[in-house]
Amino acid sequence: MLKKYLDKNFTEAGCDEAGRGCLAGPVFAAAVILPKDYTNNILNDSKQLSEAKRNELRPIIEKNAIAWAVAKVDPKEIDEINILNASFVAMHRAIDQLKIYPESLLIDGNRFKSYPGIPHHCIIKGDGKFLSIAAASVLAKTYRDEYMEELDRAFPQYHWRSNKGYPTKVHRENIKKYGATLHHRKSFRLLPLGEQQTLF
């Protein structure tokens, strides 16, 4: 059973991102504030859930959360500031959009750039420990997957509907065959080590 909160005396927002390791598409992040007494026996780290379960949970989270928001950072900006900083920026943008100001942030992972005026706690594998972070992981993942499925309609040759922009063998083979798009991250190694990367 995931924990409901780190400290019941504070309004906590759980934060997580999706898409850091992808070759294409934005990095998405979500911030979620849940009621202190919230329970959900299915909710877990999005990576531990099937796509069907994630899609089932998304409207439940949105309906039951006190506040929630999703934000993204596009490939061009990722290339300019690097993916780690882009993940922080995406989280900050999600926090910016919350309709209720949190008093504490629960961040999945071991690093974060402080958000002005709000203390934060980095929690390794937090999406498998706290409900609010798990909820954020589900929202970030489902919104990003939906975005990549929409892009797939314009660029079906990369199979983004199935690989969501991650570095699968098929994805890399088609980058080699068709070149890269404006949705690919130029700062990432798009082809295997040793292969020529003159794609842009």
C-alpha atoms as a PDB file:
ATOM      1  CA  MET A   1       0.000   0.000   0.000  1.00  0.00           C
ATOM      2  CA  LEU A   2       1.389   3.381  -0.997  1.00  0.00           C
ATOM      3  CA  LYS A   3       1.659   6.130   1.614  1.00  0.00           C
ATOM      4  CA  LYS A   4      -0.919   8.917   1.653  1.00  0.00           C
ATOM      5  CA  TYR A   5       1.512  11.648   2.668  1.00  0.00           C
ATOM      6  CA  LEU A   6       4.977  12.410   4.021  1.00  0.00           C
ATOM      7  CA  ASP A   7       3.672  14.932   6.579  1.00  0.00           C
ATOM      8  CA  LYS A   8      -0.064  15.261   7.240  1.00  0.00           C
ATOM      9  CA  ASN A   9       0.412  18.855   8.437  1.00  0.00           C
ATOM     10  CA  PHE A  10       1.260  20.132   4.939  1.00  0.00           C
ATOM     11  CA  THR A  11      -0.520  20.327   1.616  1.00  0.00           C
ATOM     12  CA  GLU A  12       1.754  18.127  -0.511  1.00  0.00           C
ATOM     13  CA  ALA A  13       2.034  17.930  -4.283  1.00  0.00           C
ATOM     14  CA  GLY A  14       3.538  14.814  -5.795  1.00  0.00           C
ATOM     15  CA  CYS A  15       5.621  15.438  -8.930  1.00  0.00           C
ATOM     16  CA  ASP A  16       6.959  13.112 -11.605  1.00  0.00           C
ATOM     17  CA  GLU A  17       8.021  13.174 -15.254  1.00  0.00           C
ATOM     18  CA  ALA A  18       7.749  10.908 -18.296  1.00  0.00           C
ATOM     19  CA  GLY A  19       9.888  10.630 -21.393  1.00  0.00           C
ATOM     20  CA  ARG A  20      13.389  11.451 -20.186  1.00  0.00           C
ATOM     21  CA  GLY A  21      14.968   8.563 -22.069  1.00  0.00           C
ATOM     22  CA  CYS A  22      13.138   9.084 -25.364  1.00  0.00           C
ATOM     23  CA  LEU A  23      14.766  10.009 -28.662  1.00  0.00           C
ATOM     24  CA  ALA A  24      11.732  11.974 -29.811  1.00  0.00           C
ATOM     25  CA  GLY A  25       8.948  14.063 -28.362  1.00  0.00           C
ATOM     26  CA  PRO A  26       8.702  16.330 -25.322  1.00  0.00           C
ATOM     27  CA  VAL A  27       9.359  15.430 -21.720  1.00  0.00           C
ATOM     28  CA  PHE A  28       6.112  15.689 -19.749  1.00  0.00           C
ATOM     29  CA  ALA A  29       5.648  16.277 -16.029  1.00  0.00           C
ATOM     30  CA  ALA A  30       2.679  16.321 -13.691  1.00  0.00           C
ATOM     31  CA  ALA A  31       1.952  17.673 -10.221  1.00  0.00           C
ATOM     32  CA  VAL A  32      -0.913  16.269  -8.150  1.00  0.00           C
ATOM     33  CA  ILE A  33      -2.400  17.196  -4.777  1.00  0.00           C
ATOM     34  CA  LEU A  34      -4.583  14.419  -3.356  1.00  0.00           C
ATOM     35  CA  PRO A  35      -6.922  14.519  -0.334  1.00  0.00           C
ATOM     36  CA  LYS A  36      -5.205  13.371   2.857  1.00  0.00           C
ATOM     37  CA  ASP A  37      -7.663  10.480   3.210  1.00  0.00           C
ATOM     38  CA  TYR A  38      -7.419   9.373  -0.426  1.00  0.00           C
ATOM     39  CA  THR A  39      -7.185   5.645  -1.049  1.00  0.00           C
ATOM     40  CA  ASN A  40      -6.753   3.692  -4.277  1.00  0.00           C
ATOM     41  CA  ASN A  41      -5.717   0.052  -4.290  1.00  0.00           C
ATOM     42  CA  ILE A  42      -4.774   0.040  -7.992  1.00  0.00           C
ATOM     43  CA  LEU A  43      -2.682   3.210  -8.146  1.00  0.00           C
ATOM     44  CA  ASN A  44       1.051   2.560  -8.409  1.00  0.00           C
ATOM     45  CA  ASP A  45       4.180   3.620 -10.284  1.00  0.00           C
ATOM     46  CA  SER A  46       2.965   3.989 -13.882  1.00  0.00           C
ATOM     47  CA  LYS A  47       5.725   1.646 -15.095  1.00  0.00           C
ATOM     48  CA  GLN A  48       4.174  -1.132 -13.004  1.00  0.00           C
ATOM     49  CA  LEU A  49       0.747  -0.673 -14.581  1.00  0.00           C
ATOM     50  CA  SER A  50      -0.608  -1.788 -17.942  1.00  0.00           C
ATOM     51  CA  GLU A  51      -1.596   0.846 -20.480  1.00  0.00           C
ATOM     52  CA  ALA A  52      -5.245  -0.062 -19.884  1.00  0.00           C
ATOM     53  CA  LYS A  53      -4.881   0.447 -16.115  1.00  0.00           C
ATOM     54  CA  ARG A  54      -3.122   3.800 -16.605  1.00  0.00           C
ATOM     55  CA  ASN A  55      -5.897   4.997 -18.899  1.00  0.00           C
ATOM     56  CA  GLU A  56      -8.500   3.774 -16.415  1.00  0.00           C
ATOM     57  CA  LEU A  57      -6.809   5.632 -13.561  1.00  0.00           C
ATOM     58  CA  ARG A  58      -6.315   8.972 -15.328  1.00  0.00           C
ATOM     59  CA  PRO A  59      -9.925  10.259 -15.099  1.00  0.00           C
ATOM     60  CA  ILE A  60     -10.213   8.877 -11.555  1.00  0.00           C
ATOM     61  CA  ILE A  61      -7.125  10.843 -10.484  1.00  0.00           C
ATOM     62  CA  GLU A  62      -8.344  13.993 -12.231  1.00  0.00           C
ATOM     63  CA  LYS A  63     -11.777  13.721 -10.590  1.00  0.00           C
ATOM     64  CA  ASN A  64     -10.518  13.000  -7.069  1.00  0.00           C
ATOM     65  CA  ALA A  65      -7.441  15.248  -6.884  1.00  0.00           C
ATOM     66  CA  ILE A  66      -7.708  18.540  -5.034  1.00  0.00           C
ATOM     67  CA  ALA A  67      -5.535  19.981  -7.800  1.00  0.00           C
ATOM     68  CA  TRP A  68      -3.543  18.611 -10.731  1.00  0.00           C
ATOM     69  CA  ALA A  69      -1.626  19.896 -13.733  1.00  0.00           C
ATOM     70  CA  VAL A  70       0.445  18.583 -16.634  1.00  0.00           C
ATOM     71  CA  ALA A  71       3.189  20.440 -18.533  1.00  0.00           C
ATOM     72  CA  LYS A  72       5.848  19.699 -21.141  1.00  0.00           C
ATOM     73  CA  VAL A  73       9.191  20.838 -22.534  1.00  0.00           C
ATOM     74  CA  ASP A  74       9.670  20.396 -26.287  1.00  0.00           C
ATOM     75  CA  PRO A  75      12.723  18.824 -28.004  1.00  0.00           C
ATOM     76  CA  LYS A  76      14.204  22.170 -29.093  1.00  0.00           C
ATOM     77  CA  GLU A  77      14.341  23.379 -25.491  1.00  0.00           C
ATOM     78  CA  ILE A  78      15.581  19.980 -24.289  1.00  0.00           C
ATOM     79  CA  ASP A  79      18.510  20.333 -26.708  1.00  0.00           C
ATOM     80  CA  GLU A  80      19.241  23.829 -25.375  1.00  0.00           C
ATOM     81  CA  ILE A  81      19.166  23.116 -21.633  1.00  0.00           C
ATOM     82  CA  ASN A  82      19.708  19.286 -21.487  1.00  0.00           C
ATOM     83  CA  ILE A  83      17.186  16.653 -20.469  1.00  0.00           C
ATOM     84  CA  LEU A  84      17.796  16.809 -16.708  1.00  0.00           C
ATOM     85  CA  ASN A  85      17.117  20.547 -16.581  1.00  0.00           C
ATOM     86  CA  ALA A  86      14.199  20.100 -18.964  1.00  0.00           C
ATOM     87  CA  SER A  87      12.654  17.603 -16.523  1.00  0.00           C
ATOM     88  CA  PHE A  88      12.937  20.160 -13.728  1.00  0.00           C
ATOM     89  CA  VAL A  89      11.459  22.901 -15.927  1.00  0.00           C
ATOM     90  CA  ALA A  90       8.518  20.652 -16.869  1.00  0.00           C
ATOM     91  CA  MET A  91       7.836  19.968 -13.178  1.00  0.00           C
ATOM     92  CA  HIS A  92       8.059  23.683 -12.373  1.00  0.00           C
ATOM     93  CA  ARG A  93       5.582  24.448 -15.170  1.00  0.00           C
ATOM     94  CA  ALA A  94       3.164  21.858 -13.813  1.00  0.00           C
ATOM     95  CA  ILE A  95       3.470  23.307 -10.288  1.00  0.00           C
ATOM     96  CA  ASP A  96       2.894  26.801 -11.746  1.00  0.00           C
ATOM     97  CA  GLN A  97      -0.498  25.668 -13.038  1.00  0.00           C
ATOM     98  CA  LEU A  98      -1.826  24.165  -9.800  1.00  0.00           C
ATOM     99  CA  LYS A  99      -4.978  25.913  -8.640  1.00  0.00           C
ATOM    100  CA  ILE A 100      -3.986  25.345  -5.018  1.00  0.00           C
ATOM    101  CA  TYR A 101      -0.551  26.402  -3.777  1.00  0.00           C
ATOM    102  CA  PRO A 102       1.225  23.417  -2.199  1.00  0.00           C
ATOM    103  CA  GLU A 103       3.239  23.784   0.993  1.00  0.00           C
ATOM    104  CA  SER A 104       5.565  20.883   0.199  1.00  0.00           C
ATOM    105  CA  LEU A 105       6.709  19.030  -2.922  1.00  0.00           C
ATOM    106  CA  LEU A 106       7.364  15.304  -3.134  1.00  0.00           C
ATOM    107  CA  ILE A 107       9.704  14.728  -6.072  1.00  0.00           C
ATOM    108  CA  ASP A 108      10.317  11.358  -7.678  1.00  0.00           C
ATOM    109  CA  GLY A 109      14.067  10.794  -7.940  1.00  0.00           C
ATOM    110  CA  ASN A 110      17.210  12.042  -6.241  1.00  0.00           C
ATOM    111  CA  ARG A 111      17.635  15.507  -7.785  1.00  0.00           C
ATOM    112  CA  PHE A 112      15.519  18.629  -8.238  1.00  0.00           C
ATOM    113  CA  LYS A 113      15.959  22.348  -8.795  1.00  0.00           C
ATOM    114  CA  SER A 114      14.257  24.153  -5.913  1.00  0.00           C
ATOM    115  CA  TYR A 115      10.894  25.723  -6.687  1.00  0.00           C
ATOM    116  CA  PRO A 116      10.699  29.264  -5.255  1.00  0.00           C
ATOM    117  CA  GLY A 117       9.035  29.395  -1.866  1.00  0.00           C
ATOM    118  CA  ILE A 118       8.172  25.697  -1.541  1.00  0.00           C
ATOM    119  CA  PRO A 119      10.372  23.132   0.232  1.00  0.00           C
ATOM    120  CA  HIS A 120      10.844  19.842  -1.581  1.00  0.00           C
ATOM    121  CA  HIS A 121      11.756  16.263  -0.726  1.00  0.00           C
ATOM    122  CA  CYS A 122      13.479  14.028  -3.281  1.00  0.00           C
ATOM    123  CA  ILE A 123      12.316  10.448  -2.903  1.00  0.00           C
ATOM    124  CA  ILE A 124      14.085   7.689  -4.841  1.00  0.00           C
ATOM    125  CA  LYS A 125      11.461   5.449  -6.483  1.00  0.00           C
ATOM    126  CA  GLY A 126       8.868   7.729  -4.931  1.00  0.00           C
ATOM    127  CA  ASP A 127       6.317   6.760  -7.566  1.00  0.00           C
ATOM    128  CA  GLY A 128       6.168   3.362  -5.893  1.00  0.00           C
ATOM    129  CA  LYS A 129       6.006   4.801  -2.363  1.00  0.00           C
ATOM    130  CA  PHE A 130       3.581   7.761  -2.300  1.00  0.00           C
ATOM    131  CA  LEU A 131       0.118   8.005  -3.823  1.00  0.00           C
ATOM    132  CA  SER A 132       0.552  11.605  -4.993  1.00  0.00           C
ATOM    133  CA  ILE A 133       3.779  10.831  -6.872  1.00  0.00           C
ATOM    134  CA  ALA A 134       2.231   7.691  -8.376  1.00  0.00           C
ATOM    135  CA  ALA A 135      -0.735   9.791  -9.517  1.00  0.00           C
ATOM    136  CA  ALA A 136       1.640  12.303 -11.097  1.00  0.00           C
ATOM    137  CA  SER A 137       3.506   9.492 -12.849  1.00  0.00           C
ATOM    138  CA  VAL A 138       0.248   8.176 -14.338  1.00  0.00           C
ATOM    139  CA  LEU A 139      -0.836  11.608 -15.592  1.00  0.00           C
ATOM    140  CA  ALA A 140       2.579  12.447 -17.066  1.00  0.00           C
ATOM    141  CA  LYS A 141       2.788   9.058 -18.784  1.00  0.00           C
ATOM    142  CA  THR A 142      -0.744   8.998 -20.207  1.00  0.00           C
ATOM    143  CA  TYR A 143      -0.623  12.574 -21.485  1.00  0.00           C
ATOM    144  CA  ARG A 144       2.751  11.972 -23.105  1.00  0.00           C
ATOM    145  CA  ASP A 145       1.637   8.696 -24.677  1.00  0.00           C
ATOM    146  CA  GLU A 146      -1.445  10.419 -26.069  1.00  0.00           C
ATOM    147  CA  TYR A 147       0.725  13.180 -27.518  1.00  0.00           C
ATOM    148  CA  MET A 148       3.061  10.681 -29.212  1.00  0.00           C
ATOM    149  CA  GLU A 149       0.105   8.778 -30.656  1.00  0.00           C
ATOM    150  CA  GLU A 150      -1.111  12.032 -32.219  1.00  0.00           C
ATOM    151  CA  LEU A 151       2.363  12.660 -33.697  1.00  0.00           C
ATOM    152  CA  ASP A 152       2.335   9.136 -35.084  1.00  0.00           C
ATOM    153  CA  ARG A 153      -0.456  10.110 -37.477  1.00  0.00           C
ATOM    154  CA  ALA A 154       1.875  12.613 -39.168  1.00  0.00           C
ATOM    155  CA  PHE A 155       5.009  10.443 -38.928  1.00  0.00           C
ATOM    156  CA  PRO A 156       3.827   6.802 -39.096  1.00  0.00           C
ATOM    157  CA  GLN A 157       7.206   5.547 -40.331  1.00  0.00           C
ATOM    158  CA  TYR A 158       8.725   5.867 -36.836  1.00  0.00           C
ATOM    159  CA  HIS A 159       6.024   3.752 -35.117  1.00  0.00           C
ATOM    160  CA  TRP A 160       5.590   6.242 -32.271  1.00  0.00           C
ATOM    161  CA  ARG A 161       2.161   4.785 -31.516  1.00  0.00           C
ATOM    162  CA  SER A 162       3.913   1.674 -30.191  1.00  0.00           C
ATOM    163  CA  ASN A 163       7.380   2.878 -29.098  1.00  0.00           C
ATOM    164  CA  LYS A 164       6.308   6.352 -27.853  1.00  0.00           C
ATOM    165  CA  GLY A 165       9.648   7.775 -28.996  1.00  0.00           C
ATOM    166  CA  TYR A 166      11.850   5.432 -26.962  1.00  0.00           C
ATOM    167  CA  PRO A 167      15.044   4.013 -28.539  1.00  0.00           C
ATOM    168  CA  THR A 168      13.720   0.717 -29.841  1.00  0.00           C
ATOM    169  CA  LYS A 169      15.516  -1.141 -32.614  1.00  0.00           C
ATOM    170  CA  VAL A 170      12.723  -0.349 -35.097  1.00  0.00           C
ATOM    171  CA  HIS A 171      12.746   3.331 -34.154  1.00  0.00           C
ATOM    172  CA  ARG A 172      16.505   3.614 -34.704  1.00  0.00           C
ATOM    173  CA  GLU A 173      16.360   1.671 -37.960  1.00  0.00           C
ATOM    174  CA  ASN A 174      13.761   4.086 -39.300  1.00  0.00           C
ATOM    175  CA  ILE A 175      15.721   7.132 -38.150  1.00  0.00           C
ATOM    176  CA  LYS A 176      18.621   5.732 -40.186  1.00  0.00           C
ATOM    177  CA  LYS A 177      16.328   5.110 -43.156  1.00  0.00           C
ATOM    178  CA  TYR A 178      14.260   8.315 -43.151  1.00  0.00           C
ATOM    179  CA  GLY A 179      16.439  10.742 -41.173  1.00  0.00           C
ATOM    180  CA  ALA A 180      15.298  12.707 -38.128  1.00  0.00           C
ATOM    181  CA  THR A 181      12.354  15.064 -37.703  1.00  0.00           C
ATOM    182  CA  LEU A 182      11.912  18.313 -35.804  1.00  0.00           C
ATOM    183  CA  HIS A 183      10.434  16.137 -33.033  1.00  0.00           C
ATOM    184  CA  HIS A 184      13.708  14.254 -32.507  1.00  0.00           C
ATOM    185  CA  ARG A 185      16.190  15.422 -29.885  1.00  0.00           C
ATOM    186  CA  LYS A 186      19.365  16.557 -31.639  1.00  0.00           C
ATOM    187  CA  SER A 187      21.427  16.326 -28.442  1.00  0.00           C
ATOM    188  CA  PHE A 188      20.646  12.612 -28.066  1.00  0.00           C
ATOM    189  CA  ARG A 189      22.500   9.787 -29.793  1.00  0.00           C
ATOM    190  CA  LEU A 190      19.835   8.794 -32.273  1.00  0.00           C
ATOM    191  CA  LEU A 191      21.872   6.017 -33.904  1.00  0.00           C
ATOM    192  CA  PRO A 192      23.981   3.305 -32.267  1.00  0.00           C
ATOM    193  CA  LEU A 193      27.545   4.167 -31.297  1.00  0.00           C
ATOM    194  CA  GLY A 194      29.872   4.000 -34.295  1.00  0.00           C
ATOM    195  CA  GLU A 195      27.222   4.771 -36.892  1.00  0.00           C
ATOM    196  CA  GLN A 196      27.337   8.096 -38.716  1.00  0.00           C
ATOM    197  CA  GLN A 197      24.904  10.620 -37.298  1.00  0.00           C
ATOM    198  CA  THR A 198      24.369  13.258 -40.005  1.00  0.00           C
ATOM    199  CA  LEU A 199      20.625  13.311 -39.725  1.00  0.00           C
ATOM    200  CA  PHE A 200      19.631  16.969 -39.566  1.00  0.00           C
END
